[in-house]
C-alpha atoms as a PDB file:
ATOM      1  CA  MET A   1       0.000   0.000   0.000  1.00  0.00           C
ATOM      2  CA  ASN A   2       1.360   3.409  -0.986  1.00  0.00           C
ATOM      3  CA  SER A   3       0.723   6.501   1.124  1.00  0.00           C
ATOM      4  CA  LEU A   4       0.345   9.677  -0.931  1.00  0.00           C
ATOM      5  CA  GLY A   5      -0.015  11.927   2.104  1.00  0.00           C
ATOM      6  CA  LEU A   6      -1.998  15.150   1.888  1.00  0.00           C
ATOM      7  CA  MET A   7      -3.018  16.169  -1.630  1.00  0.00           C
ATOM      8  CA  LYS A   8      -4.237  19.741  -2.122  1.00  0.00           C
ATOM      9  CA  ALA A   9      -6.792  20.948  -4.639  1.00  0.00           C
ATOM     10  CA  ASP A  10      -4.783  24.059  -5.471  1.00  0.00           C
ATOM     11  CA  ARG A  11      -5.665  24.731  -9.122  1.00  0.00           C
ATOM     12  CA  TRP A  12      -8.957  26.520  -8.500  1.00  0.00           C
ATOM     13  CA  LYS A  13      -9.545  30.034  -9.831  1.00  0.00           C
ATOM     14  CA  ASP A  14     -13.249  30.335  -8.978  1.00  0.00           C
ATOM     15  CA  TYR A  15     -12.939  29.005  -5.427  1.00  0.00           C
ATOM     16  CA  GLU A  16     -10.791  29.679  -2.366  1.00  0.00           C
ATOM     17  CA  ILE A  17     -10.929  29.483   1.415  1.00  0.00           C
ATOM     18  CA  LEU A  18     -10.284  32.983   2.691  1.00  0.00           C
ATOM     19  CA  GLN A  19     -10.367  32.467   6.450  1.00  0.00           C
ATOM     20  CA  THR A  20     -11.038  29.782   9.074  1.00  0.00           C
ATOM     21  CA  GLY A  21     -11.527  29.462  12.806  1.00  0.00           C
ATOM     22  CA  ASP A  22     -13.901  28.538  15.627  1.00  0.00           C
ATOM     23  CA  GLY A  23     -15.661  25.852  13.619  1.00  0.00           C
ATOM     24  CA  MET A  24     -16.305  28.034  10.564  1.00  0.00           C
ATOM     25  CA  LYS A  25     -14.768  28.736   7.152  1.00  0.00           C
ATOM     26  CA  LYS A  26     -15.102  31.747   4.866  1.00  0.00           C
ATOM     27  CA  GLU A  27     -15.116  30.817   1.188  1.00  0.00           C
ATOM     28  CA  ARG A  28     -15.243  32.573  -2.156  1.00  0.00           C
ATOM     29  CA  TRP A  29     -17.415  30.836  -4.740  1.00  0.00           C
ATOM     30  CA  GLY A  30     -16.888  32.912  -7.861  1.00  0.00           C
ATOM     31  CA  ASP A  31     -17.950  36.395  -6.735  1.00  0.00           C
ATOM     32  CA  VAL A  32     -20.034  35.184  -3.773  1.00  0.00           C
ATOM     33  CA  ILE A  33     -18.608  34.991  -0.234  1.00  0.00           C
ATOM     34  CA  LEU A  34     -20.102  32.433   2.170  1.00  0.00           C
ATOM     35  CA  VAL A  35     -19.306  31.632   5.802  1.00  0.00           C
ATOM     36  CA  ARG A  36     -20.382  28.180   6.945  1.00  0.00           C
ATOM     37  CA  PRO A  37     -19.534  25.499   9.529  1.00  0.00           C
ATOM     38  CA  ASP A  38     -16.811  22.901   9.137  1.00  0.00           C
ATOM     39  CA  PRO A  39     -16.271  20.262  11.852  1.00  0.00           C
ATOM     40  CA  GLN A  40     -12.552  20.012  11.067  1.00  0.00           C
ATOM     41  CA  VAL A  41     -11.903  23.632  12.042  1.00  0.00           C
ATOM     42  CA  ILE A  42     -11.152  23.232  15.736  1.00  0.00           C
ATOM     43  CA  TRP A  43      -8.517  25.988  15.828  1.00  0.00           C
ATOM     44  CA  PRO A  44      -9.295  29.626  16.810  1.00  0.00           C
ATOM     45  CA  ASN A  45     -10.091  32.427  14.388  1.00  0.00           C
ATOM     46  CA  GLN A  46      -6.949  34.549  14.093  1.00  0.00           C
ATOM     47  CA  GLU A  47      -8.923  37.593  12.951  1.00  0.00           C
ATOM     48  CA  ASN A  48     -11.333  39.704  14.992  1.00  0.00           C
ATOM     49  CA  SER A  49     -14.348  39.135  12.761  1.00  0.00           C
ATOM     50  CA  TRP A  50     -15.497  37.572   9.514  1.00  0.00           C
ATOM     51  CA  GLY A  51     -15.683  40.966   7.843  1.00  0.00           C
ATOM     52  CA  SER A  52     -17.966  41.327   4.849  1.00  0.00           C
ATOM     53  CA  TYR A  53     -19.706  38.361   3.268  1.00  0.00           C
ATOM     54  CA  ASP A  54     -22.841  37.531   1.308  1.00  0.00           C
ATOM     55  CA  GLY A  55     -24.216  34.623   3.354  1.00  0.00           C
ATOM     56  CA  TYR A  56     -23.589  33.195   6.845  1.00  0.00           C
ATOM     57  CA  TYR A  57     -24.949  29.793   7.876  1.00  0.00           C
ATOM     58  CA  CYS A  58     -26.314  29.759  11.434  1.00  0.00           C
ATOM     59  CA  ARG A  59     -26.746  26.450  13.217  1.00  0.00           C
ATOM     60  CA  GLU A  60     -29.896  25.941  15.266  1.00  0.00           C
ATOM     61  CA  PRO A  61     -29.860  24.212  18.694  1.00  0.00           C
ATOM     62  CA  SER A  62     -32.506  21.734  17.557  1.00  0.00           C
ATOM     63  CA  GLY A  63     -30.433  20.725  14.535  1.00  0.00           C
ATOM     64  CA  GLY A  64     -30.122  22.024  11.017  1.00  0.00           C
ATOM     65  CA  GLY A  65     -29.821  25.730  10.474  1.00  0.00           C
ATOM     66  CA  HIS A  66     -30.507  28.659   8.183  1.00  0.00           C
ATOM     67  CA  TRP A  67     -28.719  31.261   6.111  1.00  0.00           C
ATOM     68  CA  GLU A  68     -28.498  34.923   7.074  1.00  0.00           C
ATOM     69  CA  TYR A  69     -27.401  37.451   4.484  1.00  0.00           C
ATOM     70  CA  GLN A  70     -25.531  40.742   4.413  1.00  0.00           C
ATOM     71  CA  LYS A  71     -26.099  40.732   0.670  1.00  0.00           C
ATOM     72  CA  ARG A  72     -28.388  38.054  -0.708  1.00  0.00           C
ATOM     73  CA  PRO A  73     -26.769  36.235  -3.641  1.00  0.00           C
ATOM     74  CA  PRO A  74     -28.727  34.850  -6.605  1.00  0.00           C
ATOM     75  CA  GLU A  75     -30.687  31.658  -5.982  1.00  0.00           C
ATOM     76  CA  TYR A  76     -27.889  29.896  -7.826  1.00  0.00           C
ATOM     77  CA  TRP A  77     -24.775  30.806  -9.801  1.00  0.00           C
ATOM     78  CA  THR A  78     -21.910  28.924 -11.454  1.00  0.00           C
ATOM     79  CA  VAL A  79     -18.204  28.310 -10.953  1.00  0.00           C
ATOM     80  CA  ARG A  80     -15.714  26.889 -13.420  1.00  0.00           C
ATOM     81  CA  TYR A  81     -12.893  24.392 -13.092  1.00  0.00           C
ATOM     82  CA  ASP A  82     -10.886  24.131 -16.305  1.00  0.00           C
ATOM     83  CA  ASP A  83     -13.564  23.522 -18.975  1.00  0.00           C
ATOM     84  CA  LEU A  84     -16.201  22.327 -16.497  1.00  0.00           C
ATOM     85  CA  THR A  85     -19.045  24.479 -15.152  1.00  0.00           C
ATOM     86  CA  PHE A  86     -20.948  23.688 -11.956  1.00  0.00           C
ATOM     87  CA  LYS A  87     -24.132  25.081 -10.454  1.00  0.00           C
ATOM     88  CA  ILE A  88     -23.773  26.439  -6.901  1.00  0.00           C
ATOM     89  CA  ARG A  89     -26.806  26.831  -4.662  1.00  0.00           C
ATOM     90  CA  PRO A  90     -26.710  27.162  -0.849  1.00  0.00           C
ATOM     91  CA  THR A  91     -29.004  24.574   0.736  1.00  0.00           C
ATOM     92  CA  ASN A  92     -30.735  24.409   4.112  1.00  0.00           C
ATOM     93  CA  PHE A  93     -28.154  21.822   5.186  1.00  0.00           C
ATOM     94  CA  LYS A  94     -25.207  24.272   4.695  1.00  0.00           C
ATOM     95  CA  HIS A  95     -24.007  22.574   1.497  1.00  0.00           C
ATOM     96  CA  THR A  96     -23.532  24.275  -1.868  1.00  0.00           C
ATOM     97  CA  GLY A  97     -23.708  21.322  -4.273  1.00  0.00           C
ATOM     98  CA  LEU A  98     -19.962  20.963  -4.810  1.00  0.00           C
ATOM     99  CA  PHE A  99     -16.978  19.646  -2.858  1.00  0.00           C
ATOM    100  CA  PRO A 100     -14.020  21.543  -4.378  1.00  0.00           C
ATOM    101  CA  GLU A 101     -11.344  19.353  -2.776  1.00  0.00           C
ATOM    102  CA  GLN A 102     -12.531  16.554  -5.066  1.00  0.00           C
ATOM    103  CA  ALA A 103     -10.730  18.293  -7.937  1.00  0.00           C
ATOM    104  CA  VAL A 104      -7.720  16.199  -6.909  1.00  0.00           C
ATOM    105  CA  ASN A 105      -9.663  13.051  -7.735  1.00  0.00           C
ATOM    106  CA  TRP A 106     -11.177  14.508 -10.911  1.00  0.00           C
ATOM    107  CA  ASP A 107      -7.708  15.313 -12.237  1.00  0.00           C
ATOM    108  CA  TRP A 108      -6.381  11.856 -11.407  1.00  0.00           C
ATOM    109  CA  ALA A 109      -9.375  10.026 -12.862  1.00  0.00           C
ATOM    110  CA  THR A 110      -9.466  12.019 -16.095  1.00  0.00           C
ATOM    111  CA  THR A 111      -5.771  11.363 -16.680  1.00  0.00           C
ATOM    112  CA  ARG A 112      -6.439   7.635 -16.365  1.00  0.00           C
ATOM    113  CA  ILE A 113      -9.464   7.808 -18.668  1.00  0.00           C
ATOM    114  CA  LYS A 114      -7.600   9.684 -21.402  1.00  0.00           C
ATOM    115  CA  ALA A 115      -4.691   7.234 -21.263  1.00  0.00           C
ATOM    116  CA  HIS A 116      -6.940   4.176 -21.528  1.00  0.00           C
ATOM    117  CA  ARG A 117      -7.160   2.213 -24.755  1.00  0.00           C
ATOM    118  CA  GLY A 118     -10.604   1.089 -25.802  1.00  0.00           C
ATOM    119  CA  ASP A 119     -14.051   1.846 -24.449  1.00  0.00           C
ATOM    120  CA  PHE A 120     -14.246   3.332 -20.978  1.00  0.00           C
ATOM    121  CA  ARG A 121     -17.379   2.757 -18.898  1.00  0.00           C
ATOM    122  CA  LEU A 122     -17.423   4.356 -15.467  1.00  0.00           C
ATOM    123  CA  LEU A 123     -19.825   3.748 -12.581  1.00  0.00           C
ATOM    124  CA  ASN A 124     -20.225   6.607 -10.095  1.00  0.00           C
ATOM    125  CA  LEU A 125     -22.030   5.493  -6.920  1.00  0.00           C
ATOM    126  CA  PHE A 126     -23.409   8.050  -4.432  1.00  0.00           C
ATOM    127  CA  GLY A 127     -22.735  10.479  -7.262  1.00  0.00           C
ATOM    128  CA  TYR A 128     -24.321  13.549  -5.595  1.00  0.00           C
ATOM    129  CA  THR A 129     -24.557  16.471  -8.059  1.00  0.00           C
ATOM    130  CA  GLY A 130     -22.294  14.748 -10.533  1.00  0.00           C
ATOM    131  CA  ALA A 131     -19.032  16.685 -10.607  1.00  0.00           C
ATOM    132  CA  ALA A 132     -16.975  13.493 -10.960  1.00  0.00           C
ATOM    133  CA  SER A 133     -19.423  12.186 -13.561  1.00  0.00           C
ATOM    134  CA  ILE A 134     -19.139  15.396 -15.593  1.00  0.00           C
ATOM    135  CA  ALA A 135     -15.333  15.371 -15.407  1.00  0.00           C
ATOM    136  CA  ALA A 136     -15.225  11.726 -16.498  1.00  0.00           C
ATOM    137  CA  ALA A 137     -17.629  12.292 -19.387  1.00  0.00           C
ATOM    138  CA  ALA A 138     -15.615  15.293 -20.565  1.00  0.00           C
ATOM    139  CA  ALA A 139     -12.551  13.023 -20.643  1.00  0.00           C
ATOM    140  CA  GLY A 140     -14.356  10.519 -22.868  1.00  0.00           C
ATOM    141  CA  ALA A 141     -15.972   8.027 -20.489  1.00  0.00           C
ATOM    142  CA  ALA A 142     -19.495   6.623 -20.784  1.00  0.00           C
ATOM    143  CA  VAL A 143     -20.834   7.267 -17.285  1.00  0.00           C
ATOM    144  CA  THR A 144     -23.512   5.617 -15.161  1.00  0.00           C
ATOM    145  CA  HIS A 145     -24.357   7.999 -12.314  1.00  0.00           C
ATOM    146  CA  VAL A 146     -26.348   6.620  -9.349  1.00  0.00           C
ATOM    147  CA  ASP A 147     -27.728   8.455  -6.327  1.00  0.00           C
ATOM    148  CA  ALA A 148     -30.756   7.802  -4.113  1.00  0.00           C
ATOM    149  CA  ALA A 149     -31.802  11.481  -4.088  1.00  0.00           C
ATOM    150  CA  LYS A 150     -33.869  12.590  -7.081  1.00  0.00           C
ATOM    151  CA  GLY A 151     -32.898  16.227  -6.583  1.00  0.00           C
ATOM    152  CA  MET A 152     -29.187  15.425  -6.751  1.00  0.00           C
ATOM    153  CA  VAL A 153     -29.614  13.426  -9.955  1.00  0.00           C
ATOM    154  CA  HIS A 154     -31.487  16.348 -11.527  1.00  0.00           C
ATOM    155  CA  TRP A 155     -28.668  18.659 -10.415  1.00  0.00           C
ATOM    156  CA  CYS A 156     -26.203  16.336 -12.168  1.00  0.00           C
ATOM    157  CA  ARG A 157     -28.142  16.718 -15.409  1.00  0.00           C
ATOM    158  CA  GLU A 158     -28.078  20.499 -14.981  1.00  0.00           C
ATOM    159  CA  ASN A 159     -24.301  20.431 -14.484  1.00  0.00           C
ATOM    160  CA  ALA A 160     -23.919  18.352 -17.636  1.00  0.00           C
ATOM    161  CA  GLY A 161     -25.838  20.963 -19.599  1.00  0.00           C
ATOM    162  CA  LEU A 162     -23.835  23.835 -18.115  1.00  0.00           C
ATOM    163  CA  SER A 163     -20.621  22.111 -19.205  1.00  0.00           C
ATOM    164  CA  GLY A 164     -21.919  21.541 -22.733  1.00  0.00           C
ATOM    165  CA  LEU A 165     -22.284  17.804 -22.117  1.00  0.00           C
ATOM    166  CA  GLU A 166     -26.060  17.462 -22.376  1.00  0.00           C
ATOM    167  CA  ASP A 167     -25.591  14.941 -25.205  1.00  0.00           C
ATOM    168  CA  ALA A 168     -22.677  13.091 -23.597  1.00  0.00           C
ATOM    169  CA  PRO A 169     -23.181   9.438 -22.568  1.00  0.00           C
ATOM    170  CA  ILE A 170     -24.158  10.117 -18.950  1.00  0.00           C
ATOM    171  CA  ARG A 171     -26.831   7.727 -17.699  1.00  0.00           C
ATOM    172  CA  THR A 172     -28.411   9.106 -14.516  1.00  0.00           C
ATOM    173  CA  LEU A 173     -30.345   6.853 -12.145  1.00  0.00           C
ATOM    174  CA  VAL A 174     -32.253   7.456  -8.905  1.00  0.00           C
ATOM    175  CA  ASP A 175     -31.606   4.222  -7.037  1.00  0.00           C
ATOM    176  CA  ASP A 176     -30.242   2.572  -3.912  1.00  0.00           C
ATOM    177  CA  CYS A 177     -26.567   2.035  -4.697  1.00  0.00           C
ATOM    178  CA  LEU A 178     -26.223  -1.384  -3.075  1.00  0.00           C
ATOM    179  CA  LYS A 179     -29.333  -2.744  -4.785  1.00  0.00           C
ATOM    180  CA  PHE A 180     -28.192  -1.317  -8.122  1.00  0.00           C
ATOM    181  CA  VAL A 181     -24.819  -3.050  -7.784  1.00  0.00           C
ATOM    182  CA  GLU A 182     -26.541  -6.351  -7.011  1.00  0.00           C
ATOM    183  CA  ARG A 183     -28.696  -6.024 -10.126  1.00  0.00           C
ATOM    184  CA  GLU A 184     -25.692  -5.155 -12.278  1.00  0.00           C
ATOM    185  CA  GLN A 185     -23.988  -8.333 -11.079  1.00  0.00           C
ATOM    186  CA  ARG A 186     -26.975 -10.413 -12.147  1.00  0.00           C
ATOM    187  CA  ARG A 187     -27.080  -8.650 -15.517  1.00  0.00           C
ATOM    188  CA  GLY A 188     -23.404  -9.316 -16.120  1.00  0.00           C
ATOM    189  CA  ASN A 189     -22.583  -5.653 -16.752  1.00  0.00           C
ATOM    190  CA  THR A 190     -19.026  -4.458 -16.213  1.00  0.00           C
ATOM    191  CA  TYR A 191     -17.119  -1.176 -16.053  1.00  0.00           C
ATOM    192  CA  GLU A 192     -13.567  -0.002 -16.562  1.00  0.00           C
ATOM    193  CA  ALA A 193     -13.720   2.139 -13.412  1.00  0.00           C
ATOM    194  CA  ILE A 194     -15.793   2.628 -10.284  1.00  0.00           C
ATOM    195  CA  ILE A 195     -15.982   5.750  -8.142  1.00  0.00           C
ATOM    196  CA  MET A 196     -17.867   5.775  -4.865  1.00  0.00           C
ATOM    197  CA  ASP A 197     -18.259   8.481  -2.242  1.00  0.00           C
ATOM    198  CA  PRO A 198     -20.522   6.892   0.378  1.00  0.00           C
ATOM    199  CA  PRO A 199     -21.992   8.985   3.216  1.00  0.00           C
ATOM    200  CA  SER A 200     -21.631   8.139   6.882  1.00  0.00           C
ATOM    201  CA  PHE A 201     -25.385   7.627   7.068  1.00  0.00           C
ATOM    202  CA  GLY A 202     -28.172   7.670   4.524  1.00  0.00           C
ATOM    203  CA  ARG A 203     -31.510   6.299   3.394  1.00  0.00           C
ATOM    204  CA  GLY A 204     -32.358   4.676   0.084  1.00  0.00           C
ATOM    205  CA  ARG A 205     -35.470   5.225  -2.023  1.00  0.00           C
ATOM    206  CA  GLY A 206     -37.336   2.483  -0.167  1.00  0.00           C
ATOM    207  CA  GLY A 207     -36.233   3.622   3.281  1.00  0.00           C
ATOM    208  CA  GLU A 208     -33.153   1.396   3.329  1.00  0.00           C
ATOM    209  CA  ILE A 209     -30.721   2.537   6.018  1.00  0.00           C
ATOM    210  CA  TRP A 210     -27.052   2.925   5.116  1.00  0.00           C
ATOM    211  CA  LYS A 211     -24.377   3.017   7.844  1.00  0.00           C
ATOM    212  CA  LEU A 212     -20.874   3.239   6.453  1.00  0.00           C
ATOM    213  CA  GLU A 213     -19.125   1.255   9.182  1.00  0.00           C
ATOM    214  CA  ASP A 214     -21.665  -1.569   8.863  1.00  0.00           C
ATOM    215  CA  ASP A 215     -22.276  -1.629   5.115  1.00  0.00           C
ATOM    216  CA  LEU A 216     -19.153  -0.456   3.281  1.00  0.00           C
ATOM    217  CA  TRP A 217     -17.362  -3.804   3.178  1.00  0.00           C
ATOM    218  CA  ALA A 218     -20.390  -5.585   1.725  1.00  0.00           C
ATOM    219  CA  LEU A 219     -20.701  -2.914  -0.963  1.00  0.00           C
ATOM    220  CA  LEU A 220     -17.014  -3.153  -1.866  1.00  0.00           C
ATOM    221  CA  GLN A 221     -17.243  -6.935  -2.161  1.00  0.00           C
ATOM    222  CA  LYS A 222     -20.236  -6.682  -4.477  1.00  0.00           C
ATOM    223  CA  ALA A 223     -18.938  -3.762  -6.535  1.00  0.00           C
ATOM    224  CA  ALA A 224     -15.426  -5.052  -7.241  1.00  0.00           C
ATOM    225  CA  PRO A 225     -16.608  -7.905  -9.537  1.00  0.00           C
ATOM    226  CA  LEU A 226     -18.240  -5.271 -11.759  1.00  0.00           C
ATOM    227  CA  LEU A 227     -14.781  -4.230 -12.952  1.00  0.00           C
ATOM    228  CA  SER A 228     -13.979  -5.555 -16.412  1.00  0.00           C
ATOM    229  CA  ASP A 229     -10.899  -7.520 -17.461  1.00  0.00           C
ATOM    230  CA  ASN A 230      -9.598  -4.239 -18.882  1.00  0.00           C
ATOM    231  CA  ALA A 231     -10.338  -2.223 -15.746  1.00  0.00           C
ATOM    232  CA  SER A 232      -8.377   0.915 -14.941  1.00  0.00           C
ATOM    233  CA  PHE A 233      -9.207   1.987 -11.394  1.00  0.00           C
ATOM    234  CA  PHE A 234     -11.417   1.867  -8.303  1.00  0.00           C
ATOM    235  CA  LEU A 235     -11.668   5.098  -6.302  1.00  0.00           C
ATOM    236  CA  LEU A 236     -13.164   5.208  -2.800  1.00  0.00           C
ATOM    237  CA  ASN A 237     -13.655   8.510  -0.990  1.00  0.00           C
ATOM    238  CA  THR A 238     -15.162   9.335   2.400  1.00  0.00           C
ATOM    239  CA  TYR A 239     -15.702  12.291   4.716  1.00  0.00           C
ATOM    240  CA  THR A 240     -16.485  10.188   7.769  1.00  0.00           C
ATOM    241  CA  THR A 241     -14.643  11.628  10.763  1.00  0.00           C
ATOM    242  CA  GLY A 242     -12.295   9.114  12.344  1.00  0.00           C
ATOM    243  CA  LEU A 243     -12.129   6.824   9.306  1.00  0.00           C
ATOM    244  CA  SER A 244      -8.490   6.978   8.271  1.00  0.00           C
ATOM    245  CA  SER A 245      -7.175   6.461   4.765  1.00  0.00           C
ATOM    246  CA  THR A 246      -5.354   3.369   6.042  1.00  0.00           C
ATOM    247  CA  ILE A 247      -8.706   1.751   6.795  1.00  0.00           C
ATOM    248  CA  LEU A 248      -9.843   2.411   3.225  1.00  0.00           C
ATOM    249  CA  GLY A 249      -6.574   1.014   1.915  1.00  0.00           C
ATOM    250  CA  ASN A 250      -6.873  -2.082   4.077  1.00  0.00           C
ATOM    251  CA  MET A 251     -10.318  -2.813   2.673  1.00  0.00           C
ATOM    252  CA  LEU A 252      -9.244  -2.303  -0.943  1.00  0.00           C
ATOM    253  CA  SER A 253      -6.195  -4.509  -0.317  1.00  0.00           C
ATOM    254  CA  MET A 254      -8.460  -7.344   0.853  1.00  0.00           C
ATOM    255  CA  LEU A 255     -10.302  -7.420  -2.466  1.00  0.00           C
ATOM    256  CA  PRO A 256      -9.076  -9.858  -5.147  1.00  0.00           C
ATOM    257  CA  LEU A 257      -8.396  -6.964  -7.522  1.00  0.00           C
ATOM    258  CA  SER A 258      -5.496  -5.827  -5.319  1.00  0.00           C
ATOM    259  CA  LYS A 259      -3.370  -8.626  -6.812  1.00  0.00           C
ATOM    260  CA  THR A 260      -3.541  -7.040 -10.274  1.00  0.00           C
ATOM    261  CA  GLY A 261      -2.594  -3.486  -9.386  1.00  0.00           C
ATOM    262  CA  THR A 262      -1.547  -1.006  -6.726  1.00  0.00           C
ATOM    263  CA  VAL A 263      -3.469   0.393  -3.761  1.00  0.00           C
ATOM    264  CA  SER A 264      -2.695   3.974  -2.719  1.00  0.00           C
ATOM    265  CA  VAL A 265      -4.227   6.086   0.038  1.00  0.00           C
ATOM    266  CA  GLY A 266      -4.192   9.709   1.056  1.00  0.00           C
ATOM    267  CA  GLU A 267      -5.968  12.728   2.438  1.00  0.00           C
ATOM    268  CA  LEU A 268      -7.597  15.581   0.519  1.00  0.00           C
ATOM    269  CA  GLY A 269      -7.162  19.193   1.514  1.00  0.00           C
ATOM    270  CA  LEU A 270      -7.805  22.792   0.509  1.00  0.00           C
ATOM    271  CA  PRO A 271      -5.254  25.585   0.985  1.00  0.00           C
ATOM    272  CA  ILE A 272      -6.304  28.514   3.168  1.00  0.00           C
ATOM    273  CA  THR A 273      -5.419  31.910   1.715  1.00  0.00           C
ATOM    274  CA  SER A 274      -5.033  33.708   5.048  1.00  0.00           C
ATOM    275  CA  GLY A 275      -2.262  31.457   6.338  1.00  0.00           C
ATOM    276  CA  ALA A 276       0.162  28.675   5.546  1.00  0.00           C
ATOM    277  CA  ILE A 277      -2.246  25.970   6.677  1.00  0.00           C
ATOM    278  CA  THR A 278      -4.498  23.468   4.939  1.00  0.00           C
ATOM    279  CA  LEU A 279      -8.069  22.413   5.682  1.00  0.00           C
ATOM    280  CA  PRO A 280      -8.330  18.587   5.675  1.00  0.00           C
ATOM    281  CA  CYS A 281     -11.351  17.421   3.684  1.00  0.00           C
ATOM    282  CA  GLY A 282     -11.642  13.661   3.855  1.00  0.00           C
ATOM    283  CA  THR A 283      -9.689  10.593   2.860  1.00  0.00           C
ATOM    284  CA  PHE A 284      -9.435   8.375  -0.184  1.00  0.00           C
ATOM    285  CA  GLY A 285      -8.224   4.965  -1.274  1.00  0.00           C
ATOM    286  CA  ARG A 286      -7.399   4.047  -4.873  1.00  0.00           C
ATOM    287  CA  TRP A 287      -6.757   0.810  -6.685  1.00  0.00           C
ATOM    288  CA  GLU A 288      -4.961   1.359  -9.969  1.00  0.00           C
ATOM    289  CA  ALA A 289      -4.487  -1.456 -12.467  1.00  0.00           C
ATOM    290  CA  ALA A 290      -0.943  -2.435 -13.310  1.00  0.00           C
ATOM    291  CA  LYS A 291       0.284  -1.217 -16.671  1.00  0.00           C
ATOM    292  CA  ARG A 292       0.514  -3.796 -19.394  1.00  0.00           C
ATOM    293  CA  GLY A 293       3.614  -5.885 -18.861  1.00  0.00           C
ATOM    294  CA  GLN A 294       3.687  -5.186 -15.116  1.00  0.00           C
ATOM    295  CA  THR A 295       2.383  -7.219 -12.188  1.00  0.00           C
END
């Protein structure tokens, strides 16, 4: 198992973290400034205040929260990353529809897709608003995008259109990811790559309960056989606090596919403009197929 350490998403022009402290982060999304919570920020705010901003997310004692505005932004706007365009919309759950640290994984995956010979079919499980799906399609992959939330799947389609990929081979499905994988096994369908970004907790369309610690291994075991004989990679990402990249690497290493390639692990992060520190943003594990002629 290779350790890649901390990998920063530092090529953004439309996004940056301006300031952090006391459980909050101040971000620039294009021309819009938002301040919102982040559980990783346990250090103090080095500045006296947050200064000017457009929106500030306030947590409520009973759970959830709401946005308060100094200057109300549009209902939604867009940001760009290279040739990709993504819709940004603040939600009632503090999210914006995009995890910018994932640009590290987009860059890595698209490099693999472009270097691959032959057809490239990619399965994106827990695909959210589809940033990874859009990046993969732009690189030439035929993508199957699965998420249990209808709204997120619709958002993925919107992102495809914004990036000029409305006619690209992106198949979007509202489905329980584990059940979909089981059906794909029975159908005999295979893919050259799998990406999955499972939540800590979730519910499927039929009320199925997902708990990462209880269910991840079963999903990995069922998903791995969907990789074709000409497979390129398997990418696993998680934001679950306390779940180290070594754990992800251990699980990938226990799959039969580990014998035909290399497992690497690491941590994702975003640079903070106001200081020489980095905000950690989750962990990942990757299996990458050996190049032809290697074992």
